[in-house]
N, C-alpha and C. Protein backbone atom coordinates (compact mmCIF):
# COMPACT_ATOMS: atom_id res chain seq x y z
N MET A 1 57.47 -73.05 5.82
CA MET A 1 56.80 -72.20 5.68
C MET A 1 56.63 -71.14 6.41
N ASP A 2 56.19 -70.09 6.46
CA ASP A 2 55.77 -69.16 7.65
C ASP A 2 54.18 -69.67 7.56
N ARG A 3 53.55 -70.04 8.65
CA ARG A 3 51.91 -70.57 8.93
C ARG A 3 51.47 -69.64 9.35
N SER A 4 51.85 -68.20 9.51
CA SER A 4 51.19 -67.22 9.93
C SER A 4 50.37 -66.48 8.92
N VAL A 5 50.82 -66.83 7.57
CA VAL A 5 50.17 -66.17 6.12
C VAL A 5 49.90 -67.20 5.55
N PRO A 6 48.37 -66.69 5.26
CA PRO A 6 47.73 -67.56 4.60
C PRO A 6 48.39 -67.75 2.94
N PRO A 7 48.53 -68.97 2.34
CA PRO A 7 48.87 -69.26 0.93
C PRO A 7 47.98 -68.60 0.30
N ILE A 8 48.85 -67.88 -0.65
CA ILE A 8 48.50 -67.28 -2.39
C ILE A 8 49.08 -67.87 -3.28
N LEU A 9 48.22 -67.76 -4.26
CA LEU A 9 48.85 -68.53 -5.67
C LEU A 9 48.54 -67.09 -6.56
N TYR A 10 49.32 -66.92 -7.32
CA TYR A 10 49.78 -66.01 -8.24
C TYR A 10 49.62 -66.66 -9.68
N SER A 11 48.41 -66.01 -10.85
CA SER A 11 48.42 -67.13 -11.62
C SER A 11 48.65 -66.13 -12.63
N VAL A 12 49.37 -66.06 -13.73
CA VAL A 12 50.01 -65.14 -14.47
C VAL A 12 49.94 -65.33 -15.90
N ASP A 13 49.26 -64.49 -16.89
CA ASP A 13 49.75 -64.72 -17.84
C ASP A 13 50.40 -63.70 -19.07
N LEU A 14 51.44 -63.78 -19.41
CA LEU A 14 52.53 -62.86 -20.19
C LEU A 14 51.96 -63.00 -21.42
N LEU A 15 51.75 -61.63 -22.28
CA LEU A 15 51.17 -62.17 -23.63
C LEU A 15 51.87 -60.74 -24.46
N GLU A 16 52.19 -61.72 -25.87
CA GLU A 16 52.28 -60.95 -26.68
C GLU A 16 54.12 -60.59 -26.48
N CYS A 17 54.68 -61.40 -25.82
CA CYS A 17 56.10 -61.51 -25.39
C CYS A 17 56.87 -61.24 -26.33
N GLU A 18 57.56 -59.82 -27.23
CA GLU A 18 58.47 -59.82 -28.19
C GLU A 18 59.48 -60.62 -28.13
N ALA A 19 60.32 -60.60 -26.73
CA ALA A 19 61.56 -61.05 -26.75
C ALA A 19 61.36 -62.58 -26.66
N LEU A 20 60.44 -63.37 -26.34
CA LEU A 20 60.46 -64.89 -26.40
C LEU A 20 61.34 -65.31 -27.31
N LEU A 21 61.26 -65.19 -28.53
CA LEU A 21 61.47 -65.87 -29.87
C LEU A 21 63.37 -65.66 -29.68
N ALA A 22 64.00 -64.75 -28.94
CA ALA A 22 65.34 -64.56 -29.45
C ALA A 22 65.67 -64.76 -27.86
N ILE A 23 65.62 -65.34 -26.91
CA ILE A 23 65.49 -66.19 -25.80
C ILE A 23 65.92 -67.35 -26.44
N GLY A 24 66.96 -67.84 -25.82
CA GLY A 24 66.93 -69.36 -25.75
C GLY A 24 66.10 -70.00 -24.33
N GLN A 25 66.35 -71.29 -24.30
CA GLN A 25 65.34 -71.84 -23.24
C GLN A 25 65.95 -71.63 -21.92
N GLY A 26 67.61 -72.22 -22.43
CA GLY A 26 68.09 -71.86 -21.19
C GLY A 26 68.11 -70.64 -20.25
N GLU A 27 68.22 -69.16 -20.82
CA GLU A 27 68.12 -68.20 -20.40
C GLU A 27 67.18 -68.17 -19.76
N ILE A 28 66.15 -68.53 -20.68
CA ILE A 28 64.91 -68.83 -19.87
C ILE A 28 64.38 -69.05 -18.34
N ILE A 29 65.43 -69.94 -18.44
CA ILE A 29 65.19 -70.89 -16.95
C ILE A 29 65.54 -70.21 -16.33
N ALA A 30 67.21 -69.50 -16.41
CA ALA A 30 67.94 -68.16 -16.05
C ALA A 30 67.07 -67.14 -15.37
N THR A 31 66.70 -66.67 -16.31
CA THR A 31 65.55 -65.35 -15.90
C THR A 31 64.61 -65.88 -15.11
N PHE A 32 64.03 -66.80 -14.97
CA PHE A 32 63.29 -67.00 -14.27
C PHE A 32 63.98 -67.57 -12.58
N GLY A 33 64.62 -68.16 -13.06
CA GLY A 33 65.38 -68.46 -11.19
C GLY A 33 65.71 -66.84 -10.52
N ALA A 34 66.71 -65.80 -11.44
CA ALA A 34 66.87 -65.06 -10.90
C ALA A 34 66.12 -64.04 -10.39
N ALA A 35 64.73 -64.05 -10.86
CA ALA A 35 63.77 -63.19 -10.87
C ALA A 35 62.92 -63.37 -9.60
N LEU A 36 62.97 -64.64 -9.21
CA LEU A 36 62.38 -65.36 -7.97
C LEU A 36 63.63 -64.84 -6.97
N ARG A 37 64.64 -65.37 -7.38
CA ARG A 37 65.84 -64.63 -6.22
C ARG A 37 65.34 -63.20 -5.85
N ARG A 38 65.58 -62.44 -6.43
CA ARG A 38 65.39 -61.35 -6.37
C ARG A 38 64.12 -60.80 -5.57
N ALA A 39 63.53 -61.52 -5.73
CA ALA A 39 62.03 -60.92 -5.10
C ALA A 39 61.88 -61.86 -3.78
N GLY A 40 63.20 -62.47 -3.22
CA GLY A 40 63.49 -63.00 -1.95
C GLY A 40 63.03 -64.66 -1.92
N ALA A 41 63.00 -65.46 -3.20
CA ALA A 41 62.97 -66.82 -2.94
C ALA A 41 64.14 -67.30 -2.99
N THR A 42 63.74 -68.61 -2.32
CA THR A 42 65.32 -69.74 -1.81
C THR A 42 64.39 -70.60 -2.69
N ILE A 43 65.53 -71.20 -3.88
CA ILE A 43 65.65 -72.56 -4.77
C ILE A 43 65.75 -72.89 -4.08
N VAL A 44 65.14 -74.48 -4.24
CA VAL A 44 65.76 -75.64 -3.57
C VAL A 44 65.87 -76.66 -4.44
N ASP A 45 65.17 -76.57 -5.36
CA ASP A 45 65.35 -77.80 -6.77
C ASP A 45 64.85 -77.29 -7.92
N GLU A 46 65.32 -77.45 -8.99
CA GLU A 46 64.45 -77.69 -9.98
C GLU A 46 64.47 -78.63 -11.40
N VAL A 47 63.23 -78.43 -11.89
CA VAL A 47 63.32 -79.51 -13.10
C VAL A 47 62.52 -78.52 -14.02
N SER A 48 63.05 -78.95 -15.32
CA SER A 48 62.71 -78.23 -16.42
C SER A 48 62.80 -79.45 -17.46
N HIS A 49 61.30 -79.00 -18.39
CA HIS A 49 61.63 -80.24 -19.56
C HIS A 49 61.18 -79.27 -21.28
N THR A 50 62.11 -79.32 -21.96
CA THR A 50 61.80 -78.68 -23.37
C THR A 50 61.29 -79.53 -24.07
N PHE A 51 60.13 -78.99 -25.11
CA PHE A 51 59.24 -79.62 -26.14
C PHE A 51 59.90 -79.37 -27.48
N PRO A 52 60.45 -80.08 -28.30
CA PRO A 52 61.18 -79.90 -29.28
C PRO A 52 60.19 -78.93 -30.23
N GLU A 53 60.81 -78.22 -30.26
CA GLU A 53 60.44 -76.69 -31.37
C GLU A 53 59.61 -76.03 -31.02
N THR A 54 58.93 -76.32 -30.09
CA THR A 54 57.81 -75.23 -29.21
C THR A 54 58.50 -74.50 -27.85
N GLY A 55 57.90 -74.93 -26.32
CA GLY A 55 57.80 -74.00 -25.84
C GLY A 55 58.92 -75.25 -24.33
N LEU A 56 58.81 -74.64 -23.12
CA LEU A 56 59.64 -74.98 -22.22
C LEU A 56 58.33 -75.57 -21.10
N THR A 57 58.60 -76.26 -19.78
CA THR A 57 58.09 -75.88 -18.61
C THR A 57 59.23 -76.40 -17.98
N CYS A 58 58.84 -74.91 -16.59
CA CYS A 58 60.15 -74.98 -15.78
C CYS A 58 59.41 -75.14 -14.45
N VAL A 59 59.43 -75.74 -13.74
CA VAL A 59 59.27 -75.93 -11.97
C VAL A 59 60.37 -75.64 -11.12
N PHE A 60 60.20 -74.72 -10.07
CA PHE A 60 61.02 -74.28 -9.06
C PHE A 60 60.43 -74.85 -7.57
N ILE A 61 61.54 -75.58 -6.76
CA ILE A 61 60.62 -76.01 -5.81
C ILE A 61 61.38 -74.96 -4.89
N LEU A 62 60.41 -74.20 -3.93
CA LEU A 62 61.01 -72.83 -3.04
C LEU A 62 61.38 -73.42 -1.82
N SER A 63 61.71 -73.02 -1.09
CA SER A 63 61.61 -73.06 0.58
C SER A 63 60.03 -72.36 0.84
N GLU A 64 59.50 -71.52 0.11
CA GLU A 64 58.38 -70.80 0.47
C GLU A 64 57.21 -71.85 0.01
N SER A 65 57.54 -72.69 -0.97
CA SER A 65 56.68 -73.42 -1.70
C SER A 65 57.41 -73.88 -3.48
N HIS A 66 56.27 -73.21 -4.19
CA HIS A 66 56.97 -73.66 -5.25
C HIS A 66 56.53 -72.26 -6.53
N ALA A 67 57.00 -72.52 -7.81
CA ALA A 67 56.83 -71.63 -9.15
C ALA A 67 57.11 -72.29 -10.29
N VAL A 68 56.28 -72.19 -11.03
CA VAL A 68 56.04 -73.24 -12.72
C VAL A 68 55.92 -72.15 -13.72
N LEU A 69 56.65 -72.34 -14.49
CA LEU A 69 57.01 -71.26 -16.08
C LEU A 69 56.45 -72.38 -17.22
N HIS A 70 55.29 -71.69 -18.25
CA HIS A 70 55.21 -72.67 -19.24
C HIS A 70 55.53 -71.62 -20.36
N THR A 71 56.24 -71.78 -21.43
CA THR A 71 56.10 -71.15 -22.37
C THR A 71 55.80 -71.61 -24.02
N TRP A 72 55.15 -70.62 -24.74
CA TRP A 72 54.99 -70.83 -25.83
C TRP A 72 55.36 -69.94 -26.86
N PRO A 73 56.60 -70.05 -27.01
CA PRO A 73 57.11 -69.31 -28.02
C PRO A 73 56.38 -68.94 -29.55
N GLU A 74 55.94 -69.45 -29.89
CA GLU A 74 54.98 -69.40 -31.64
C GLU A 74 54.29 -68.52 -31.33
N THR A 75 53.60 -68.23 -30.20
CA THR A 75 52.64 -67.61 -29.76
C THR A 75 53.22 -66.08 -29.19
N GLY A 76 54.16 -66.39 -28.52
CA GLY A 76 54.26 -64.94 -27.50
C GLY A 76 53.71 -65.48 -26.35
N THR A 77 53.59 -66.34 -26.11
CA THR A 77 53.07 -66.60 -24.45
C THR A 77 53.87 -66.92 -23.47
N VAL A 78 53.62 -66.92 -21.97
CA VAL A 78 54.06 -67.27 -20.76
C VAL A 78 53.31 -67.71 -19.71
N ASN A 79 53.00 -68.42 -19.37
CA ASN A 79 51.99 -68.76 -17.92
C ASN A 79 53.26 -68.88 -16.99
N ILE A 80 52.70 -68.13 -15.58
CA ILE A 80 53.57 -68.35 -14.56
C ILE A 80 52.83 -68.95 -13.28
N ASP A 81 53.00 -69.65 -12.83
CA ASP A 81 52.22 -69.96 -11.33
C ASP A 81 53.07 -69.47 -10.25
N ILE A 82 52.74 -68.94 -9.17
CA ILE A 82 53.83 -68.56 -8.33
C ILE A 82 52.66 -68.91 -6.95
N PHE A 83 53.25 -69.78 -6.09
CA PHE A 83 52.67 -70.19 -4.72
C PHE A 83 53.47 -70.07 -3.47
N SER A 84 52.74 -69.22 -2.94
CA SER A 84 53.47 -68.63 -1.56
C SER A 84 53.02 -68.67 -0.33
N CYS A 85 53.53 -69.62 1.10
CA CYS A 85 52.86 -69.14 2.16
C CYS A 85 53.61 -68.34 2.90
N SER A 86 54.35 -67.20 2.68
CA SER A 86 55.68 -66.48 3.26
C SER A 86 55.35 -65.02 2.60
N THR A 87 55.49 -64.02 3.06
CA THR A 87 55.49 -62.65 2.89
C THR A 87 57.01 -62.03 2.41
N ARG A 88 58.07 -63.12 2.53
CA ARG A 88 59.25 -62.56 2.32
C ARG A 88 59.19 -62.94 0.95
N LEU A 89 58.44 -63.72 0.43
CA LEU A 89 58.60 -63.97 -0.86
C LEU A 89 57.30 -62.59 -1.94
N LYS A 90 58.23 -61.44 -2.83
CA LYS A 90 57.69 -60.91 -3.45
C LYS A 90 57.15 -61.05 -5.00
N SER A 91 56.01 -61.85 -4.52
CA SER A 91 55.72 -62.48 -5.88
C SER A 91 55.10 -61.31 -7.33
N LEU A 92 54.52 -60.39 -6.79
CA LEU A 92 54.52 -59.07 -7.72
C LEU A 92 55.84 -58.65 -7.94
N GLU A 93 56.65 -58.76 -7.22
CA GLU A 93 57.99 -58.08 -7.86
C GLU A 93 58.53 -58.62 -9.11
N ALA A 94 58.58 -60.50 -8.70
CA ALA A 94 59.10 -61.08 -9.52
C ALA A 94 58.12 -61.02 -11.01
N ILE A 95 56.85 -60.98 -10.66
CA ILE A 95 56.18 -60.91 -12.08
C ILE A 95 56.51 -59.97 -12.93
N ASP A 96 56.73 -58.54 -12.09
CA ASP A 96 57.16 -57.63 -13.04
C ASP A 96 58.15 -57.59 -13.59
N ASP A 97 59.47 -58.23 -13.09
CA ASP A 97 60.69 -58.58 -13.62
C ASP A 97 60.71 -59.14 -14.87
N LEU A 98 59.77 -60.38 -14.55
CA LEU A 98 59.63 -61.32 -15.72
C LEU A 98 58.87 -60.55 -17.06
N SER A 99 58.04 -59.76 -16.46
CA SER A 99 57.07 -59.37 -17.98
C SER A 99 57.90 -58.24 -18.26
N ARG A 100 58.93 -57.65 -17.71
CA ARG A 100 59.83 -56.85 -18.26
C ARG A 100 61.11 -57.67 -19.57
N ALA A 101 61.46 -58.37 -18.93
CA ALA A 101 62.91 -59.39 -19.42
C ALA A 101 62.01 -60.16 -20.82
N PHE A 102 60.52 -60.42 -20.81
CA PHE A 102 60.12 -60.96 -22.21
C PHE A 102 59.48 -60.36 -22.65
N GLY A 103 59.78 -59.15 -22.82
CA GLY A 103 58.89 -57.71 -23.52
C GLY A 103 57.20 -58.46 -23.68
N ALA A 104 56.64 -58.08 -22.52
CA ALA A 104 55.23 -58.86 -22.77
C ALA A 104 54.27 -57.62 -22.68
N ARG A 105 53.68 -57.21 -23.68
CA ARG A 105 52.72 -56.19 -24.00
C ARG A 105 51.93 -56.19 -23.13
N ARG A 106 51.21 -57.24 -23.05
CA ARG A 106 49.78 -57.76 -21.91
C ARG A 106 50.38 -58.47 -20.59
N VAL A 107 49.64 -57.99 -19.86
CA VAL A 107 49.87 -58.86 -19.01
C VAL A 107 48.82 -59.34 -18.01
N THR A 108 48.39 -60.34 -17.55
CA THR A 108 47.12 -60.83 -16.80
C THR A 108 47.72 -60.92 -15.03
N VAL A 109 47.13 -60.82 -14.01
CA VAL A 109 47.50 -61.41 -12.53
C VAL A 109 46.46 -61.59 -12.08
N GLN A 110 46.24 -63.30 -11.89
CA GLN A 110 44.98 -63.49 -10.79
C GLN A 110 45.54 -63.43 -9.62
N GLU A 111 45.21 -63.39 -8.55
CA GLU A 111 45.70 -63.22 -7.43
C GLU A 111 44.27 -64.53 -6.35
N VAL A 112 44.73 -65.72 -6.14
CA VAL A 112 43.76 -66.59 -5.54
C VAL A 112 44.16 -66.98 -4.19
N PRO A 113 43.49 -66.71 -3.13
CA PRO A 113 43.75 -67.03 -1.52
C PRO A 113 43.73 -68.42 -1.28
N ARG A 114 44.43 -69.14 -1.07
CA ARG A 114 44.24 -70.59 -0.49
C ARG A 114 43.93 -71.23 0.87
N ALA A 115 42.89 -72.07 1.52
CA ALA A 115 42.63 -72.28 2.10
C ALA A 115 43.99 -73.19 2.73
N ASP A 116 44.58 -72.59 3.80
CA ASP A 116 45.97 -73.34 4.70
C ASP A 116 45.64 -74.92 5.39
N GLY A 117 44.50 -75.08 5.61
CA GLY A 117 44.22 -76.19 6.72
C GLY A 117 43.27 -75.79 7.64
N ARG A 118 43.95 -74.74 8.22
CA ARG A 118 43.54 -74.16 9.30
C ARG A 118 42.35 -73.12 9.39
N HIS A 119 42.04 -72.95 7.94
CA HIS A 119 40.72 -71.56 7.30
C HIS A 119 40.03 -72.61 6.52
N ALA A 120 39.79 -73.85 5.83
CA ALA A 120 38.98 -74.17 5.41
C ALA A 120 37.36 -74.17 5.57
N SER A 121 37.03 -73.81 4.40
CA SER A 121 35.42 -73.60 4.49
C SER A 121 34.91 -75.30 4.69
N SER A 122 33.85 -74.65 5.20
CA SER A 122 32.45 -75.77 5.48
C SER A 122 31.81 -76.43 4.25
N GLY A 123 31.73 -75.61 3.08
CA GLY A 123 31.46 -76.38 1.93
C GLY A 123 32.30 -76.60 0.92
N GLU A 124 33.20 -77.47 1.65
CA GLU A 124 33.79 -78.15 0.74
C GLU A 124 33.38 -79.31 0.63
N ARG A 125 33.94 -79.58 -0.81
CA ARG A 125 33.36 -81.42 -0.83
C ARG A 125 34.64 -82.24 -1.07
N HIS A 126 34.73 -83.30 -0.10
CA HIS A 126 35.63 -84.48 -0.43
C HIS A 126 35.03 -85.61 -1.41
């Protein structure tokens, strides 16, 4: 990981995803991975779990850190977390790509800068 860049977590809600019910779970995983790769991610491992008759959870371990996707097809909701310590990974591009692929009518993105061990706050609790 690039230690010169403070780590950032993008926490995303894709809402009212019109295409979610029409896309198979394997295709959702492939779409997630392809969007991350196009955004500059290097995927080193993957694990996913499907929940019978509902959604799925997919985790990609990246050389830049990790990315997680959860789906709720019955409500048209996709939650995504992308954590990266590298400017090489263009997380917002991946988010835009996934929003289009899943037909999201509404998108919320929270950008959360994280401490990297060198910039820890003195107000931390242990």
